[in-house]
Amino acid sequence: MRVGVENFLSIVLKYFYITIWSCMKLEDMLEVLPMLIPKIFLEWFVFIWGCEQCSKTFNQISLKFYYYLKDLNRMYYNYHGLPYGKDVQMLLIDNEPSKAF
């Protein structure tokens, strides 16, 4: 049985807090998201952030390049309703896990 995006999100949103935090500019991301996720679900996300909420840092190997880090503490400080602590489980999906600390 194949589960579509709508069915998957309906189930996940019942049990979990869902956020989207990308290294793209928020403006660009808001144009792309409706192509990936049905608009009706976008209002259920706790937040949708772009690179504006990331910390810009230089690559330690080559100072010519920088990248955006997602400081997870920033997420909890801005959204006090989110559960926080050692017992909280988080699933982080990123193509470069080193960008989250």
Protein backbone atom coordinates (compact mmCIF):
# COMPACT_ATOMS: atom_id res chain seq x y z
CA MET A 1 0.00 0.00 0.00
CA ARG A 2 1.42 3.34 -1.02
CA VAL A 3 0.94 6.23 1.39
CA GLY A 4 0.73 9.67 -0.19
CA VAL A 5 2.12 12.90 1.23
CA GLU A 6 -1.32 13.92 2.46
CA ASN A 7 -1.85 10.68 4.40
CA PHE A 8 1.66 10.78 5.82
CA LEU A 9 1.33 14.38 7.02
CA SER A 10 -2.13 13.73 8.48
CA ILE A 11 -0.69 10.98 10.66
CA VAL A 12 2.54 12.76 11.60
CA LEU A 13 0.86 16.05 12.52
CA LYS A 14 -1.34 14.25 15.08
CA TYR A 15 1.65 13.12 17.12
CA PHE A 16 4.58 15.42 16.42
CA TYR A 17 5.60 19.06 16.21
CA ILE A 18 6.74 19.67 12.64
CA THR A 19 8.97 22.50 11.49
CA ILE A 20 10.81 23.36 8.32
CA TRP A 21 14.17 25.08 8.56
CA SER A 22 16.10 25.51 5.36
CA CYS A 23 19.31 27.20 4.32
CA MET A 24 17.41 28.73 1.41
CA LYS A 25 16.07 32.27 1.63
CA LEU A 26 12.61 32.19 3.17
CA GLU A 27 11.16 34.03 0.19
CA ASP A 28 12.45 31.37 -2.22
CA MET A 29 11.42 28.52 0.04
CA LEU A 30 7.84 29.78 0.29
CA GLU A 31 7.62 29.57 -3.49
CA VAL A 32 8.93 26.00 -3.59
CA LEU A 33 7.05 24.50 -0.61
CA PRO A 34 3.57 24.49 -2.20
CA MET A 35 5.00 22.32 -4.98
CA LEU A 36 6.17 19.75 -2.41
CA ILE A 37 3.57 19.96 0.35
CA PRO A 38 -0.16 20.64 -0.05
CA LYS A 39 -0.94 24.20 1.09
CA ILE A 40 -3.49 23.01 3.64
CA PHE A 41 -0.70 21.44 5.71
CA LEU A 42 1.64 24.44 5.70
CA GLU A 43 -0.41 26.23 8.38
CA TRP A 44 0.11 23.29 10.78
CA PHE A 45 3.87 23.64 10.91
CA VAL A 46 5.15 25.26 14.11
CA PHE A 47 7.40 27.47 12.02
CA ILE A 48 8.96 27.76 8.60
CA TRP A 49 12.37 29.38 8.67
CA GLY A 50 14.92 30.20 6.02
CA CYS A 51 18.59 31.10 6.09
CA GLU A 52 17.71 34.36 7.85
CA GLN A 53 17.31 32.33 11.07
CA CYS A 54 20.59 30.46 10.61
CA SER A 55 24.02 31.45 11.88
CA LYS A 56 26.36 32.32 9.05
CA THR A 57 29.79 30.81 9.61
CA PHE A 58 32.94 30.29 7.60
CA ASN A 59 34.10 26.89 6.48
CA GLN A 60 36.93 25.80 8.79
CA ILE A 61 38.93 24.31 5.94
CA SER A 62 38.66 27.21 3.53
CA LEU A 63 37.80 30.65 4.88
CA LYS A 64 36.72 31.68 1.37
CA PHE A 65 33.44 29.81 1.76
CA TYR A 66 30.74 30.08 4.38
CA TYR A 67 27.66 28.10 5.19
CA TYR A 68 24.58 28.41 7.35
CA LEU A 69 24.29 26.54 10.65
CA LYS A 70 20.99 25.72 12.34
CA ASP A 71 21.42 26.36 16.05
CA LEU A 72 18.78 24.13 17.63
CA ASN A 73 18.85 26.16 20.85
CA ARG A 74 17.53 29.12 18.87
CA MET A 75 14.50 27.03 17.93
CA TYR A 76 13.65 26.32 21.57
CA TYR A 77 14.26 29.90 22.74
CA ASN A 78 11.88 31.29 20.11
CA TYR A 79 9.15 28.69 20.61
CA HIS A 80 8.63 28.09 24.31
CA GLY A 81 5.76 25.67 23.65
CA LEU A 82 8.11 23.10 22.18
CA PRO A 83 9.17 20.32 24.54
CA TYR A 84 12.83 20.52 25.47
CA GLY A 85 15.14 18.33 27.51
CA LYS A 86 17.04 15.09 27.55
CA ASP A 87 13.87 12.98 27.23
CA VAL A 88 12.74 14.73 24.05
CA GLN A 89 13.36 12.90 20.82
CA MET A 90 14.05 14.82 17.66
CA LEU A 91 14.31 13.66 14.08
CA LEU A 92 16.49 15.94 12.02
CA ILE A 93 16.57 15.40 8.29
CA ASP A 94 19.22 17.32 6.41
CA ASN A 95 21.41 16.66 3.43
CA GLU A 96 24.37 17.92 5.52
CA PRO A 97 23.94 16.98 9.20
CA SER A 98 27.02 19.04 10.09
CA LYS A 99 24.90 22.19 9.63
CA ALA A 100 22.94 21.53 12.83
CA PHE A 101 24.52 21.90 16.24
